[in-house]
Amino acid sequence: MPFSHLTHLSCTKCGKTYDPEALLNVCREPGCAGSLFAEYDVPRLSREDIASRSRTIWRWHELMPARRPEDIITLGEGGTPLLHARRLGERLSMPDVWVKEEAGNPTGSFKARGLGAAVTMAKALGARAIALPTAGNAGGAAAAYAAKAGLPCHVFMPKDTPKVFRIECEAYGAQVTLVDGLIDDCGRIVAQRKEAEGWFDVSTLKEPYRVEGKKTMGYELAEQFGWTLPDVIVYPTGGGTGLIGMWKAFDEMERLGWIGAKRPRMISVQAEGCAPIPKAFAEGKDVSVRFENAHTYASGLRVPKAYADYLVLKILRASKGEAVTISDDEMRRGVNELASSEGLYAAPEGGAAWEAVKKLLAAQKVQRTERVVVFDTGTGYKYID
């Protein structure tokens, strides 16, 4: 059996297919530029085959893109705990609330999953250097994995990003450029310079493999719940890679015969000061409009327009989900409640997800008896200033 069953890449907009041996960003069809997905010839693989493997994102290697084990660039990412939030659940008379705690990943956030996969494939396919825009955590993860791979890394971040993110990137050896603007302004610089500089762009959903690393959160959830899925997943959404990836994982697991057709309701959580997805969702639109004057202290949520917003909105509607906005003050309250009640010092994005549960319950869009998973996507220690 081959190590990976990767067969091709396919465009999520027009369906055009590509050779996975090529180093590609997005669809090259004129006027398309859709995000590319890795597609697999689903093997005959049992859940028992996986059980004894090391608990990293690569334990699912048949449905991951690395062709050979020696190509993998890893820092031990994945295998994060799923914690029963009993005390917080008791406050709301919700006995089945859980937290998927991603802060224990290398570099302190779930970004390690996606960048681990992206850097692995960039290196294997011949990239000489990588570049990306970042709101914080993605830059640190990219820099760490690039250091492990021996690749130069160029990080562009808004100049008002918390200082610790810049220090982290520079410690890993990355070249950091501070930009007077937001993450999409940083992204434009990468796009303008990448060809001349010889950089491979690993921006969110502008290359095929960050989503493959993030989808492993879906595999882990299913396994941790005894191969069932929760009723509701509450996910703080910047670029939306994790939400998109988990939805992809659910489809793959159904094709493997590991789960049935039932899906969770997917809840996208954004900041009131930067809420392009909730706005588009409420207006019934298939894509969002850039959110002007975006502001929030949750750096990971300050994304004025996600590149693959069309996929996020499609998933929310297909799952009968919702899009929720949370204020910065509510996020701070959520962070404090997660810390004081469950011992989890969450990033503000995690605080936002917990606060969203309370809003959904009050609006009767979540029932007290349902199994709800809240994602804490990173550590709060990077926000202490």
Protein backbone atom coordinates (compact mmCIF):
# COMPACT_ATOMS: atom_id res chain seq x y z
CA MET A 1 0.00 0.00 0.00
CA PRO A 2 1.46 3.44 -0.90
CA PHE A 3 2.27 5.84 1.92
CA SER A 4 -0.11 8.46 0.49
CA HIS A 5 -3.09 7.86 -1.80
CA LEU A 6 -2.96 11.39 -3.22
CA THR A 7 -4.05 11.31 -6.87
CA HIS A 8 -4.55 14.91 -8.03
CA LEU A 9 -5.50 18.43 -7.11
CA SER A 10 -8.92 19.82 -8.02
CA CYS A 11 -10.24 23.37 -8.16
CA THR A 12 -13.01 24.07 -5.66
CA LYS A 13 -14.63 26.50 -8.10
CA CYS A 14 -14.36 25.17 -11.66
CA GLY A 15 -13.34 21.56 -11.03
CA LYS A 16 -10.19 21.62 -13.18
CA THR A 17 -7.64 19.00 -12.10
CA TYR A 18 -3.89 19.31 -11.71
CA ASP A 19 -0.85 17.09 -11.24
CA PRO A 20 0.05 16.97 -7.52
CA GLU A 21 3.75 16.79 -8.39
CA ALA A 22 3.63 20.46 -9.49
CA LEU A 23 4.26 23.29 -7.03
CA LEU A 24 0.98 25.18 -7.37
CA ASN A 25 -0.92 27.94 -5.62
CA VAL A 26 -4.45 28.38 -7.02
CA CYS A 27 -6.38 27.37 -10.13
CA ARG A 28 -4.80 28.69 -13.32
CA GLU A 29 -7.95 28.78 -15.41
CA PRO A 30 -8.57 32.33 -16.71
CA GLY A 31 -10.84 34.22 -14.35
CA CYS A 32 -11.04 31.41 -11.78
CA ALA A 33 -8.20 31.43 -9.19
CA GLY A 34 -10.14 28.98 -7.00
CA SER A 35 -8.54 27.22 -4.05
CA LEU A 36 -7.14 23.78 -4.84
CA PHE A 37 -7.99 20.65 -2.85
CA ALA A 38 -5.90 17.50 -2.56
CA GLU A 39 -7.89 14.47 -3.72
CA TYR A 40 -7.26 10.83 -2.79
CA ASP A 41 -8.00 7.35 -4.01
CA VAL A 42 -9.62 6.31 -0.73
CA PRO A 43 -7.89 3.11 0.42
CA ARG A 44 -9.24 0.09 2.21
CA LEU A 45 -8.22 1.26 5.63
CA SER A 46 -9.76 0.38 8.96
CA ARG A 47 -9.91 2.50 12.07
CA GLU A 48 -7.93 -0.22 13.82
CA ASP A 49 -5.07 0.28 11.34
CA ILE A 50 -4.63 3.80 12.67
CA ALA A 51 -5.08 3.13 16.39
CA SER A 52 -1.49 2.30 17.34
CA ARG A 53 0.19 5.01 15.32
CA SER A 54 1.94 8.07 16.76
CA ARG A 55 -0.61 10.79 17.49
CA THR A 56 0.45 13.49 15.07
CA ILE A 57 -1.27 14.78 11.95
CA TRP A 58 0.71 12.23 9.93
CA ARG A 59 -0.94 9.20 11.55
CA TRP A 60 -3.55 9.61 8.78
CA HIS A 61 -0.81 9.48 6.13
CA GLU A 62 -2.84 7.57 3.53
CA LEU A 63 -5.14 10.62 3.36
CA MET A 64 -2.32 13.16 3.68
CA PRO A 65 -0.21 14.53 0.83
CA ALA A 66 3.40 13.55 1.68
CA ARG A 67 4.50 10.83 -0.73
CA ARG A 68 7.28 9.44 1.49
CA PRO A 69 7.79 9.42 5.26
CA GLU A 70 11.24 10.94 4.83
CA ASP A 71 9.67 14.04 3.25
CA ILE A 72 7.71 14.93 6.39
CA ILE A 73 8.73 18.06 8.30
CA THR A 74 7.26 17.63 11.77
CA LEU A 75 7.52 19.11 15.25
CA GLY A 76 4.96 16.69 16.71
CA GLU A 77 1.86 18.69 15.78
CA GLY A 78 -1.63 17.29 16.33
CA GLY A 79 -3.03 14.85 18.86
CA THR A 80 -4.45 17.66 21.02
CA PRO A 81 -6.83 16.93 23.91
CA LEU A 82 -10.61 17.10 23.81
CA LEU A 83 -11.63 18.30 27.26
CA HIS A 84 -15.03 18.04 28.92
CA ALA A 85 -15.91 21.57 30.08
CA ARG A 86 -18.03 20.39 33.02
CA ARG A 87 -17.95 23.55 35.13
CA LEU A 88 -18.76 25.89 32.27
CA GLY A 89 -21.43 23.50 31.05
CA GLU A 90 -23.04 23.44 34.49
CA ARG A 91 -23.48 27.22 34.36
CA LEU A 92 -25.67 26.83 31.30
CA SER A 93 -27.20 23.46 32.25
CA MET A 94 -25.38 22.00 29.24
CA PRO A 95 -23.78 18.70 30.33
CA ASP A 96 -22.14 17.90 26.98
CA VAL A 97 -19.87 20.88 26.22
CA TRP A 98 -16.29 20.15 25.16
CA VAL A 99 -13.18 22.17 24.30
CA LYS A 100 -10.75 21.07 21.60
CA GLU A 101 -7.59 22.55 23.08
CA GLU A 102 -5.16 23.48 20.31
CA ALA A 103 -2.78 25.58 22.41
CA GLY A 104 -0.51 22.58 23.03
CA ASN A 105 0.58 22.40 19.41
CA PRO A 106 4.11 23.50 18.49
CA THR A 107 4.31 27.32 18.47
CA GLY A 108 1.17 27.41 20.63
CA SER A 109 -1.65 27.22 18.11
CA PHE A 110 -3.53 25.15 15.56
CA LYS A 111 -1.55 26.89 12.81
CA ALA A 112 1.16 24.27 13.34
CA ARG A 113 -1.08 21.67 11.69
CA GLY A 114 -1.54 23.59 8.47
CA LEU A 115 1.95 24.99 8.16
CA GLY A 116 3.50 21.63 8.99
CA ALA A 117 1.74 20.14 5.98
CA ALA A 118 2.34 23.17 3.76
CA VAL A 119 6.07 23.40 4.47
CA THR A 120 6.44 19.64 4.07
CA MET A 121 4.99 19.81 0.57
CA ALA A 122 6.73 23.05 -0.39
CA LYS A 123 10.09 21.49 0.47
CA ALA A 124 9.28 18.18 -1.23
CA LEU A 125 8.13 19.89 -4.42
CA GLY A 126 11.19 22.09 -4.75
CA ALA A 127 10.37 25.46 -3.19
CA ARG A 128 13.48 27.52 -2.45
CA ALA A 129 11.83 29.91 0.05
CA ILE A 130 8.37 30.55 1.45
CA ALA A 131 6.45 33.74 2.16
CA LEU A 132 3.11 34.59 3.74
CA PRO A 133 1.02 37.32 5.32
CA THR A 134 0.06 36.71 8.93
CA ALA A 135 -2.07 38.05 11.74
CA GLY A 136 0.35 36.39 14.17
CA ASN A 137 0.20 32.66 14.80
CA ALA A 138 0.56 31.55 11.18
CA GLY A 139 3.79 33.50 10.87
CA GLY A 140 5.28 31.83 13.92
CA ALA A 141 4.30 28.37 12.70
CA ALA A 142 5.59 29.00 9.17
CA ALA A 143 8.89 30.30 10.54
CA ALA A 144 9.33 27.30 12.83
CA TYR A 145 8.66 24.70 10.16
CA ALA A 146 10.75 26.58 7.62
CA ALA A 147 13.61 26.53 10.13
CA LYS A 148 13.18 22.79 10.54
CA ALA A 149 13.13 22.36 6.75
CA GLY A 150 16.08 24.67 6.10
CA LEU A 151 14.00 27.05 3.98
CA PRO A 152 14.18 30.85 4.11
CA CYS A 153 10.90 32.33 5.38
CA HIS A 154 9.55 35.82 4.69
CA VAL A 155 6.75 36.99 6.98
CA PHE A 156 4.62 40.09 6.46
CA MET A 157 2.49 41.22 9.40
CA PRO A 158 0.52 44.33 10.35
CA LYS A 159 2.72 46.65 12.39
CA ASP A 160 0.21 46.65 15.28
CA THR A 161 0.33 42.85 15.66
CA PRO A 162 1.29 41.94 19.25
CA LYS A 163 5.06 42.22 19.60
CA VAL A 164 5.55 38.62 20.72
CA PHE A 165 4.59 37.34 17.26
CA ARG A 166 7.38 39.33 15.61
CA ILE A 167 9.89 38.24 18.24
CA GLU A 168 8.85 34.61 17.74
CA CYS A 169 9.24 34.75 13.95
CA GLU A 170 12.63 36.40 14.16
CA ALA A 171 13.83 33.86 16.71
CA TYR A 172 13.09 31.13 14.16
CA GLY A 173 15.19 33.00 11.62
CA ALA A 174 12.42 34.49 9.49
CA GLN A 175 12.70 37.84 7.77
CA VAL A 176 9.83 39.91 9.20
CA THR A 177 8.38 42.97 7.47
CA LEU A 178 5.91 45.12 9.40
CA VAL A 179 3.19 46.63 7.21
CA ASP A 180 1.06 49.71 7.77
CA GLY A 181 -2.21 47.95 7.08
CA LEU A 182 -4.13 44.70 7.62
CA ILE A 183 -3.43 41.10 6.68
CA ASP A 184 -4.88 41.50 3.18
CA ASP A 185 -2.49 44.42 2.60
CA CYS A 186 0.33 42.09 3.65
CA GLY A 187 -1.00 39.47 1.25
CA ARG A 188 -0.89 41.90 -1.66
CA ILE A 189 2.79 42.54 -1.01
CA VAL A 190 3.54 38.81 -1.06
CA ALA A 191 1.58 38.42 -4.31
CA GLN A 192 3.38 41.34 -5.93
CA ARG A 193 6.88 40.24 -4.98
CA LYS A 194 6.81 36.43 -4.96
CA GLU A 195 7.71 35.85 -8.62
CA ALA A 196 10.67 38.21 -8.66
CA GLU A 197 11.93 37.04 -5.25
CA GLY A 198 11.48 33.31 -5.88
CA TRP A 199 9.13 32.82 -2.93
CA PHE A 200 6.44 30.17 -2.74
CA ASP A 201 3.29 31.74 -1.31
CA VAL A 202 1.84 29.70 1.56
CA SER A 203 -1.05 32.08 2.28
CA THR A 204 -4.30 30.66 3.64
CA LEU A 205 -6.04 28.60 0.93
CA LYS A 206 -3.74 30.00 -1.76
CA GLU A 207 -1.86 26.71 -1.71
CA PRO A 208 -3.41 23.22 -1.41
CA TYR A 209 -1.90 21.79 1.76
CA ARG A 210 -2.55 23.98 4.79
CA VAL A 211 -6.14 22.72 4.67
CA GLU A 212 -4.84 19.13 4.70
CA GLY A 213 -3.04 19.72 7.98
CA LYS A 214 -6.07 21.44 9.49
CA LYS A 215 -8.51 18.72 8.41
CA THR A 216 -6.87 16.37 10.91
CA MET A 217 -8.82 18.19 13.64
CA GLY A 218 -11.92 16.55 12.13
CA TYR A 219 -10.33 13.10 12.16
CA GLU A 220 -9.28 13.58 15.78
CA LEU A 221 -12.73 14.75 16.90
CA ALA A 222 -14.37 11.69 15.39
CA GLU A 223 -11.86 9.34 16.98
CA GLN A 224 -12.02 11.04 20.38
CA PHE A 225 -15.82 10.71 20.40
CA GLY A 226 -15.70 7.00 19.52
CA TRP A 227 -16.26 7.60 15.79
CA THR A 228 -19.28 9.80 16.17
CA LEU A 229 -19.46 13.53 15.49
CA PRO A 230 -20.79 16.24 17.82
CA ASP A 231 -24.05 18.04 17.15
CA VAL A 232 -22.41 21.46 16.94
CA ILE A 233 -18.87 22.76 16.26
CA VAL A 234 -18.16 26.36 17.28
CA TYR A 235 -15.15 27.64 15.38
CA PRO A 236 -13.45 31.07 15.49
CA THR A 237 -12.98 32.05 11.87
CA GLY A 238 -10.33 34.22 10.27
CA GLY A 239 -9.35 32.58 6.99
CA GLY A 240 -11.57 29.58 7.76
CA THR A 241 -9.08 26.87 6.86
CA GLY A 242 -9.91 24.67 9.85
CA LEU A 243 -13.65 24.82 9.30
CA ILE A 244 -13.18 23.98 5.62
CA GLY A 245 -10.67 21.25 6.43
CA MET A 246 -12.88 19.53 8.99
CA TRP A 247 -15.78 19.47 6.53
CA LYS A 248 -13.44 17.84 3.99
CA ALA A 249 -12.35 15.31 6.61
CA PHE A 250 -15.94 14.34 7.38
CA ASP A 251 -16.50 13.52 3.70
CA GLU A 252 -13.30 11.48 3.55
CA MET A 253 -14.21 9.53 6.68
CA GLU A 254 -17.64 8.72 5.30
CA ARG A 255 -16.02 7.42 2.12
CA LEU A 256 -13.72 5.29 4.29
CA GLY A 257 -16.78 3.88 6.05
CA TRP A 258 -15.64 5.25 9.42
CA ILE A 259 -18.65 7.52 10.03
CA GLY A 260 -22.15 7.96 8.62
CA ALA A 261 -23.77 10.82 6.75
CA LYS A 262 -24.73 12.90 9.81
CA ARG A 263 -22.83 16.18 10.10
CA PRO A 264 -22.44 18.76 12.87
CA ARG A 265 -23.90 22.22 12.53
CA MET A 266 -20.88 24.40 11.83
CA ILE A 267 -20.79 27.76 13.61
CA SER A 268 -18.46 30.47 12.34
CA VAL A 269 -17.49 33.04 15.00
CA GLN A 270 -16.05 36.45 14.11
CA ALA A 271 -15.42 39.73 15.90
CA GLU A 272 -17.99 42.50 15.77
CA GLY A 273 -15.25 44.76 14.46
CA CYS A 274 -14.39 42.40 11.61
CA ALA A 275 -17.39 40.31 10.57
CA PRO A 276 -17.46 39.73 6.80
CA ILE A 277 -18.76 36.16 7.11
CA PRO A 278 -21.73 36.90 9.43
CA LYS A 279 -22.67 39.86 7.26
CA ALA A 280 -22.63 37.82 4.04
CA PHE A 281 -24.41 34.92 5.76
CA ALA A 282 -27.21 37.17 7.03
CA GLU A 283 -27.59 38.76 3.59
CA GLY A 284 -27.79 35.40 1.82
CA LYS A 285 -24.67 36.07 -0.24
CA ASP A 286 -22.30 33.43 -1.59
CA VAL A 287 -19.20 35.56 -1.05
CA SER A 288 -18.37 38.29 1.42
CA VAL A 289 -17.43 41.93 0.86
CA ARG A 290 -14.24 43.29 2.37
CA PHE A 291 -15.03 44.54 5.88
CA GLU A 292 -13.86 48.13 6.07
CA ASN A 293 -12.08 49.60 9.11
CA ALA A 294 -11.61 46.11 10.55
CA HIS A 295 -10.61 46.17 14.22
CA THR A 296 -10.40 43.65 17.06
CA TYR A 297 -7.74 42.69 19.59
CA ALA A 298 -8.07 39.06 18.42
CA SER A 299 -5.39 39.18 15.73
CA GLY A 300 -6.49 35.86 14.21
CA LEU A 301 -9.98 37.23 13.58
CA ARG A 302 -8.86 40.47 11.94
CA VAL A 303 -9.23 39.17 8.39
CA PRO A 304 -11.33 41.66 6.38
CA LYS A 305 -12.07 39.13 3.63
CA ALA A 306 -11.14 35.45 3.61
CA TYR A 307 -9.79 34.17 0.29
CA ALA A 308 -12.05 31.10 0.33
CA ASP A 309 -15.08 32.73 1.94
CA TYR A 310 -17.26 31.04 -0.69
CA LEU A 311 -16.36 27.67 0.83
CA VAL A 312 -17.03 28.80 4.41
CA LEU A 313 -20.46 30.20 3.50
CA LYS A 314 -21.35 27.07 1.53
CA ILE A 315 -20.48 24.85 4.51
CA LEU A 316 -22.44 26.97 6.98
CA ARG A 317 -25.55 26.64 4.85
CA ALA A 318 -25.05 22.95 4.02
CA SER A 319 -24.70 22.14 7.73
CA LYS A 320 -27.65 24.35 8.77
CA GLY A 321 -25.13 26.30 10.81
CA GLU A 322 -24.80 29.92 11.85
CA ALA A 323 -22.41 32.87 11.78
CA VAL A 324 -22.05 34.74 15.09
CA THR A 325 -20.38 38.02 16.05
CA ILE A 326 -18.72 38.66 19.42
CA SER A 327 -17.44 41.95 20.84
CA ASP A 328 -13.92 42.34 22.19
CA ASP A 329 -15.30 42.81 25.72
CA GLU A 330 -17.23 39.56 25.39
CA MET A 331 -14.06 37.82 24.19
CA ARG A 332 -12.17 39.02 27.26
CA ARG A 333 -14.94 37.69 29.47
CA GLY A 334 -14.82 34.37 27.62
CA VAL A 335 -11.06 34.14 28.08
CA ASN A 336 -11.41 34.76 31.81
CA GLU A 337 -14.20 32.20 32.17
CA LEU A 338 -12.27 29.49 30.33
CA ALA A 339 -9.24 30.19 32.53
CA SER A 340 -10.97 30.47 35.91
CA SER A 341 -13.44 27.61 35.36
CA GLU A 342 -11.55 25.12 33.21
CA GLY A 343 -7.87 26.00 33.68
CA LEU A 344 -7.48 26.93 30.01
CA TYR A 345 -5.77 30.24 29.24
CA ALA A 346 -7.24 30.69 25.80
CA ALA A 347 -6.43 33.11 23.04
CA PRO A 348 -9.18 35.68 22.48
CA GLU A 349 -10.39 33.60 19.54
CA GLY A 350 -11.15 30.77 21.97
CA GLY A 351 -12.89 33.20 24.31
CA ALA A 352 -15.03 34.32 21.37
CA ALA A 353 -16.04 30.74 20.63
CA TRP A 354 -17.17 30.16 24.21
CA GLU A 355 -19.15 33.39 24.26
CA ALA A 356 -20.81 32.32 21.01
CA VAL A 357 -22.21 29.24 22.76
CA LYS A 358 -24.03 31.48 25.23
CA LYS A 359 -25.46 33.61 22.43
CA LEU A 360 -26.60 30.57 20.48
CA LEU A 361 -28.28 29.10 23.55
CA ALA A 362 -30.08 32.36 24.31
CA ALA A 363 -31.31 32.49 20.70
CA GLN A 364 -32.44 28.83 20.93
CA LYS A 365 -30.11 27.90 18.10
CA VAL A 366 -28.35 25.37 20.34
CA GLN A 367 -30.18 23.05 22.71
CA ARG A 368 -28.98 22.33 26.24
CA THR A 369 -28.84 18.59 25.59
CA GLU A 370 -26.70 18.82 22.45
CA ARG A 371 -23.05 17.85 22.26
CA VAL A 372 -21.14 21.06 21.52
CA VAL A 373 -17.43 21.41 20.75
CA VAL A 374 -15.73 24.78 21.23
CA PHE A 375 -12.38 25.33 19.55
CA ASP A 376 -9.66 27.11 21.47
CA THR A 377 -7.25 27.72 18.64
CA GLY A 378 -4.22 28.96 20.57
CA THR A 379 -2.62 30.05 23.79
CA GLY A 380 -3.52 33.30 25.53
CA TYR A 381 0.08 33.89 26.59
CA LYS A 382 0.85 35.64 23.30
CA TYR A 383 -1.71 38.32 24.14
CA ILE A 384 -0.63 39.29 27.64
CA ASP A 385 0.47 42.79 26.55
